[in-house]
Protein backbone atom coordinates (compact mmCIF):
# COMPACT_ATOMS: atom_id res chain seq x y z
CA MET A 1 118.68 -118.95 -137.30
CA PRO A 2 120.94 -116.02 -138.31
CA SER A 3 119.70 -112.54 -139.12
CA PRO A 4 118.61 -112.19 -142.76
CA PHE A 5 120.64 -108.99 -143.02
CA PRO A 6 124.33 -108.96 -144.05
CA GLY A 7 125.18 -106.41 -141.38
CA MET A 8 123.16 -104.53 -138.79
CA ASP A 9 119.54 -105.61 -138.56
CA PRO A 10 117.29 -102.50 -138.59
CA TYR A 11 114.56 -104.41 -136.73
CA LEU A 12 116.86 -104.41 -133.70
CA GLU A 13 116.94 -100.60 -133.69
CA LYS A 14 113.38 -100.56 -132.34
CA GLN A 15 113.39 -98.75 -129.03
CA SER A 16 111.67 -101.57 -127.16
CA VAL A 17 114.24 -104.09 -128.42
CA TRP A 18 117.37 -101.96 -128.21
CA PRO A 19 118.06 -102.20 -124.43
CA ASP A 20 118.51 -105.97 -124.74
CA ILE A 21 120.76 -105.87 -127.81
CA HIS A 22 122.74 -103.01 -126.24
CA GLN A 23 123.52 -105.05 -123.14
CA ARG A 24 124.58 -108.00 -125.26
CA LEU A 25 126.80 -105.86 -127.49
CA ILE A 26 128.61 -104.47 -124.47
CA THR A 27 129.07 -107.94 -122.96
CA TYR A 28 130.25 -109.69 -126.12
CA ILE A 29 132.49 -106.83 -127.28
CA SER A 30 134.25 -107.02 -123.93
CA GLU A 31 134.48 -110.80 -124.24
CA ALA A 32 135.88 -110.63 -127.78
CA LEU A 33 138.57 -108.11 -126.84
CA GLN A 34 139.63 -109.72 -123.57
CA SER A 35 141.20 -112.77 -125.18
CA GLN A 36 143.33 -110.51 -127.43
CA ILE A 37 144.60 -107.99 -124.92
CA ARG A 38 145.34 -110.06 -121.82
CA PRO A 39 147.46 -110.19 -119.73
CA LYS A 40 148.69 -106.65 -120.30
CA TYR A 41 145.22 -105.09 -120.47
CA ILE A 42 141.77 -105.76 -119.04
CA ALA A 43 138.46 -105.03 -120.80
CA ARG A 44 136.16 -103.88 -118.03
CA ILE A 45 132.45 -103.04 -118.14
CA GLY A 46 131.51 -99.89 -116.25
CA GLU A 47 128.25 -98.04 -115.69
CA ARG A 48 127.26 -94.42 -115.36
CA VAL A 49 123.93 -93.14 -114.10
CA GLN A 50 121.52 -90.99 -116.11
CA LEU A 51 118.17 -89.64 -115.03
CA ALA A 52 115.32 -90.49 -117.35
CA THR A 53 113.24 -87.57 -118.61
CA ALA A 54 109.58 -87.65 -119.54
CA PRO A 55 109.82 -86.86 -123.29
CA GLN A 56 111.99 -89.92 -123.85
CA SER A 57 109.24 -92.51 -124.23
CA TYR A 58 111.66 -95.40 -124.59
CA VAL A 59 112.64 -94.96 -120.93
CA PRO A 60 109.96 -96.20 -118.52
CA ASP A 61 108.37 -93.31 -116.63
CA VAL A 62 107.47 -93.88 -112.99
CA LEU A 63 104.14 -92.26 -112.19
CA LEU A 64 102.27 -92.33 -108.88
CA VAL A 65 98.62 -91.55 -109.50
CA HIS A 66 96.47 -90.26 -106.64
CA PRO A 67 92.75 -90.90 -107.43
CA ILE A 68 90.46 -87.98 -106.83
CA HIS A 69 87.40 -88.99 -104.78
CA GLU A 70 85.94 -85.54 -104.34
CA ALA A 71 83.55 -83.73 -106.67
CA ALA A 72 84.60 -83.57 -110.30
CA THR A 73 84.49 -79.76 -110.40
CA ARG A 74 85.38 -76.97 -108.04
CA THR A 75 83.21 -73.88 -108.17
CA TYR A 76 84.72 -70.42 -107.88
CA SER A 77 83.12 -67.02 -107.33
CA THR A 78 82.81 -66.44 -111.05
CA SER A 79 80.19 -68.07 -113.22
CA SER A 80 82.72 -70.49 -114.75
CA SER A 81 84.10 -73.58 -113.09
CA ALA A 82 87.20 -75.66 -113.69
CA ASP A 83 87.33 -79.41 -114.06
CA GLU A 84 89.30 -81.05 -111.28
CA PRO A 85 92.61 -82.40 -112.64
CA GLN A 86 94.06 -85.77 -111.84
CA ARG A 87 97.00 -85.33 -109.49
CA VAL A 88 100.18 -87.06 -110.59
CA VAL A 89 103.63 -87.17 -109.01
CA TYR A 90 106.46 -87.65 -111.48
CA LEU A 91 109.61 -89.40 -110.30
CA ASP A 92 112.82 -89.32 -112.29
CA GLU A 93 114.14 -92.83 -112.84
CA GLU A 94 117.83 -93.63 -112.69
CA ARG A 95 119.12 -95.47 -115.70
CA HIS A 96 122.42 -97.34 -115.63
CA VAL A 97 124.26 -97.02 -118.93
CA PRO A 98 127.06 -99.55 -119.56
CA TYR A 99 130.27 -98.90 -121.45
CA ILE A 100 133.63 -100.64 -121.87
CA GLU A 101 136.97 -99.36 -120.72
CA ILE A 102 140.31 -100.96 -121.53
CA VAL A 103 142.62 -100.69 -118.57
CA TYR A 104 146.41 -101.00 -118.49
CA ARG A 105 146.72 -103.66 -115.79
CA GLU A 106 150.06 -102.57 -114.34
CA SER A 107 148.97 -99.01 -113.48
CA GLY A 108 145.17 -99.21 -113.57
CA GLU A 109 145.18 -96.43 -116.17
CA VAL A 110 142.22 -96.29 -118.57
CA VAL A 111 143.62 -96.47 -122.10
CA THR A 112 140.51 -96.69 -124.26
CA LEU A 113 136.81 -96.06 -123.73
CA ILE A 114 134.27 -97.85 -125.97
CA GLU A 115 130.75 -96.42 -126.19
CA VAL A 116 127.81 -98.14 -127.88
CA LEU A 117 125.24 -95.40 -128.37
CA SER A 118 121.61 -95.74 -127.30
CA PRO A 119 118.58 -93.61 -128.18
CA THR A 120 119.04 -91.68 -124.91
CA ASN A 121 122.43 -90.48 -126.19
CA LYS A 122 120.87 -88.93 -129.28
CA VAL A 123 118.04 -86.74 -127.97
CA GLY A 124 117.34 -84.19 -125.26
CA ASP A 125 119.14 -84.05 -121.93
CA GLY A 126 120.72 -87.46 -122.49
CA ARG A 127 122.47 -86.15 -125.59
CA ASP A 128 123.66 -83.06 -123.74
CA GLN A 129 125.09 -85.22 -120.95
CA TYR A 130 126.82 -87.48 -123.45
CA LEU A 131 128.34 -84.57 -125.41
CA GLN A 132 129.69 -83.08 -122.19
CA LYS A 133 131.29 -86.38 -121.24
CA GLN A 134 132.66 -86.69 -124.76
CA GLN A 135 134.26 -83.23 -124.57
CA ASP A 136 135.75 -83.93 -121.14
CA LEU A 137 137.28 -87.15 -122.42
CA LEU A 138 138.90 -85.39 -125.40
CA ASP A 139 140.96 -83.37 -122.94
CA THR A 140 142.53 -86.57 -121.58
CA LYS A 141 144.97 -89.15 -122.95
CA VAL A 142 142.23 -91.76 -123.38
CA SER A 143 141.27 -93.10 -126.83
CA LEU A 144 137.57 -92.96 -127.62
CA VAL A 145 135.73 -95.51 -129.77
CA GLU A 146 132.08 -94.70 -130.52
CA ILE A 147 129.77 -97.28 -132.12
CA ASP A 148 126.49 -95.93 -133.44
CA LEU A 149 124.21 -98.66 -134.82
CA LEU A 150 121.08 -96.50 -134.72
CA GLY A 151 120.01 -94.87 -137.97
CA TYR A 152 117.84 -92.23 -136.27
CA GLY A 153 118.18 -89.42 -133.74
CA LYS A 154 120.55 -86.47 -133.82
CA ASP A 155 124.15 -87.00 -134.87
CA THR A 156 126.07 -87.34 -131.63
CA ILE A 157 129.40 -89.09 -132.12
CA LEU A 158 132.51 -87.16 -133.11
CA ALA A 159 131.90 -87.92 -136.80
CA ARG A 160 129.02 -85.42 -136.67
CA ASN A 161 131.66 -82.73 -137.27
CA VAL A 162 132.85 -84.32 -140.53
CA VAL A 163 131.29 -84.28 -144.00
CA ILE A 164 131.16 -87.92 -145.14
CA THR A 165 130.46 -88.47 -148.83
CA GLU A 166 131.77 -92.00 -149.27
CA PRO A 167 129.83 -94.18 -149.11
CA ALA A 168 126.91 -91.82 -149.77
CA ASP A 169 124.31 -94.25 -148.40
CA TRP A 170 125.91 -94.85 -144.99
CA ARG A 171 123.50 -95.39 -142.07
CA TYR A 172 125.72 -96.54 -139.20
CA MET A 173 129.05 -95.25 -137.97
CA VAL A 174 132.04 -96.26 -135.89
CA ASN A 175 134.69 -93.64 -135.16
CA VAL A 176 137.98 -93.79 -133.33
CA SER A 177 139.75 -90.83 -131.72
CA ARG A 178 143.32 -91.25 -130.47
CA PRO A 179 144.81 -88.78 -127.98
CA GLU A 180 147.96 -88.27 -130.04
CA GLN A 181 145.89 -87.47 -133.15
CA ARG A 182 142.77 -85.69 -131.92
CA ARG A 183 142.28 -83.79 -135.17
CA GLU A 184 142.48 -86.96 -137.25
CA LEU A 185 139.41 -89.15 -136.86
CA GLU A 186 139.27 -92.77 -138.04
CA LEU A 187 135.87 -93.63 -139.52
CA TYR A 188 133.91 -96.70 -140.53
CA ALA A 189 130.82 -95.46 -142.41
CA ILE A 190 128.44 -98.39 -142.92
CA PRO A 191 125.47 -98.65 -145.30
CA LEU A 192 122.51 -100.81 -144.30
CA LYS A 193 123.31 -103.33 -147.03
CA GLN A 194 126.95 -103.76 -145.99
CA ARG A 195 128.46 -106.03 -143.34
CA LEU A 196 129.68 -104.48 -140.12
CA PRO A 197 133.42 -103.65 -139.99
CA ARG A 198 136.27 -105.24 -138.14
CA CYS A 199 137.45 -102.19 -136.21
CA ARG A 200 140.81 -101.12 -134.85
CA ILE A 201 140.78 -100.64 -131.08
CA PRO A 202 143.69 -98.52 -129.84
CA LEU A 203 145.90 -99.68 -127.01
CA ARG A 204 148.83 -97.93 -125.41
CA PRO A 205 151.58 -97.07 -127.95
CA PRO A 206 153.69 -98.80 -129.14
CA ASP A 207 151.40 -101.80 -128.64
CA PRO A 208 149.51 -102.73 -131.84
CA ASP A 209 145.79 -102.19 -132.05
CA ALA A 210 143.37 -104.90 -131.06
CA VAL A 211 140.74 -105.89 -133.64
CA LEU A 212 137.04 -105.83 -132.80
CA ASP A 213 135.24 -108.27 -135.09
CA LEU A 214 131.82 -106.61 -135.06
CA PRO A 215 130.27 -109.13 -137.49
CA ALA A 216 131.14 -111.98 -135.13
CA VAL A 217 129.91 -110.05 -132.09
CA PHE A 218 126.63 -109.19 -133.80
CA THR A 219 126.08 -112.81 -134.87
CA ARG A 220 126.63 -113.98 -131.29
CA CYS A 221 124.20 -111.35 -129.97
CA TYR A 222 121.54 -112.37 -132.48
CA ASP A 223 121.90 -116.09 -131.87
CA VAL A 224 122.04 -115.97 -128.09
CA GLY A 225 119.29 -113.34 -127.93
CA GLY A 226 116.94 -115.52 -129.98
CA TYR A 227 115.81 -112.53 -132.01
CA ASP A 228 114.57 -114.75 -134.83
CA LEU A 229 111.84 -115.83 -132.38
CA VAL A 230 110.94 -112.24 -131.51
CA ILE A 231 111.04 -110.29 -134.76
CA ASP A 232 108.22 -110.37 -137.29
CA TYR A 233 109.97 -109.87 -140.60
CA GLY A 234 106.60 -109.90 -142.32
CA GLN A 235 106.07 -106.32 -141.12
CA PRO A 236 108.18 -103.25 -141.94
CA PRO A 237 110.79 -102.34 -139.30
CA ASP A 238 109.49 -99.83 -136.78
CA VAL A 239 112.31 -97.33 -137.37
CA PRO A 240 112.78 -94.51 -139.89
CA LEU A 241 114.23 -95.67 -143.22
CA LYS A 242 115.04 -93.80 -146.42
CA ASP A 243 112.99 -94.76 -149.47
CA GLU A 244 115.89 -96.62 -151.05
CA GLU A 245 116.48 -98.49 -147.77
CA LYS A 246 112.82 -99.50 -147.61
CA SER A 247 112.99 -100.91 -151.15
CA TRP A 248 116.22 -102.76 -150.42
CA VAL A 249 114.81 -104.26 -147.20
CA ALA A 250 111.64 -105.44 -148.98
CA ASN A 251 113.62 -107.05 -151.82
CA LEU A 252 116.06 -108.70 -149.43
CA LEU A 253 113.36 -110.25 -147.25
CA GLN A 254 111.28 -111.40 -150.21
CA GLY A 255 114.39 -112.99 -151.71
CA LYS A 256 114.89 -114.93 -148.48
CA GLY A 257 111.30 -116.13 -148.41
CA LEU A 258 110.22 -113.67 -145.73
CA GLN A 259 107.26 -111.91 -147.32
CA LEU A 260 107.27 -108.29 -146.20
CA SER A 261 103.82 -106.79 -145.86
CA THR A 262 103.28 -103.55 -147.77
CA SER A 263 100.09 -102.64 -145.92
């Protein structure tokens, strides 16, 4: 069963669901590009390591709890006493974040980097780490493609520096930065009610761009992931939506026979 939405499905933005869809997007984007760019280029999946931080609740926290078997309070020389706290040891957890790099086979040179943003890229230390990597990459000759299919969190991709008025109701964004035109950003601004774009993916000039068919990739992710068996479309999506988006979602689902609860 396909997603009832014409483009991105906001139910998949839920933080507990996103890690699975993110892995599938990376895998199937790489698969879709490989057939176009071989044998001159290779689409390769890489990973970088981030440390999880406690405020980011969508990253599992590892906690070792030491039970306290002694008296519940400890008395001091003053008339007041303090309750004995529970002792907890917090361990940072390493998180492996996948991305795609297109490599020129003859030299091994990285030509293009494709990032699919996750919630960790849009808040706190994870955002700071991502922005630093982004800035470092802009000083190289590598093209950067950023795909943001999350309608919440701080603006993080390069398009955050641009005022986008058309379309006014955009929720998702894909931007492309080429090393020979760093000050000219290519944008795909995507409303919730619109299909995902077929994006240009830069290769090494003068080779023509590859085409990333995001609608086809998303359909494959949804079908193989069996999300129709997981998502309850009878409840509102557990992500922030604008009022007009909420109304549109409710009307869409009701029109498809999926009664959305208003409770």
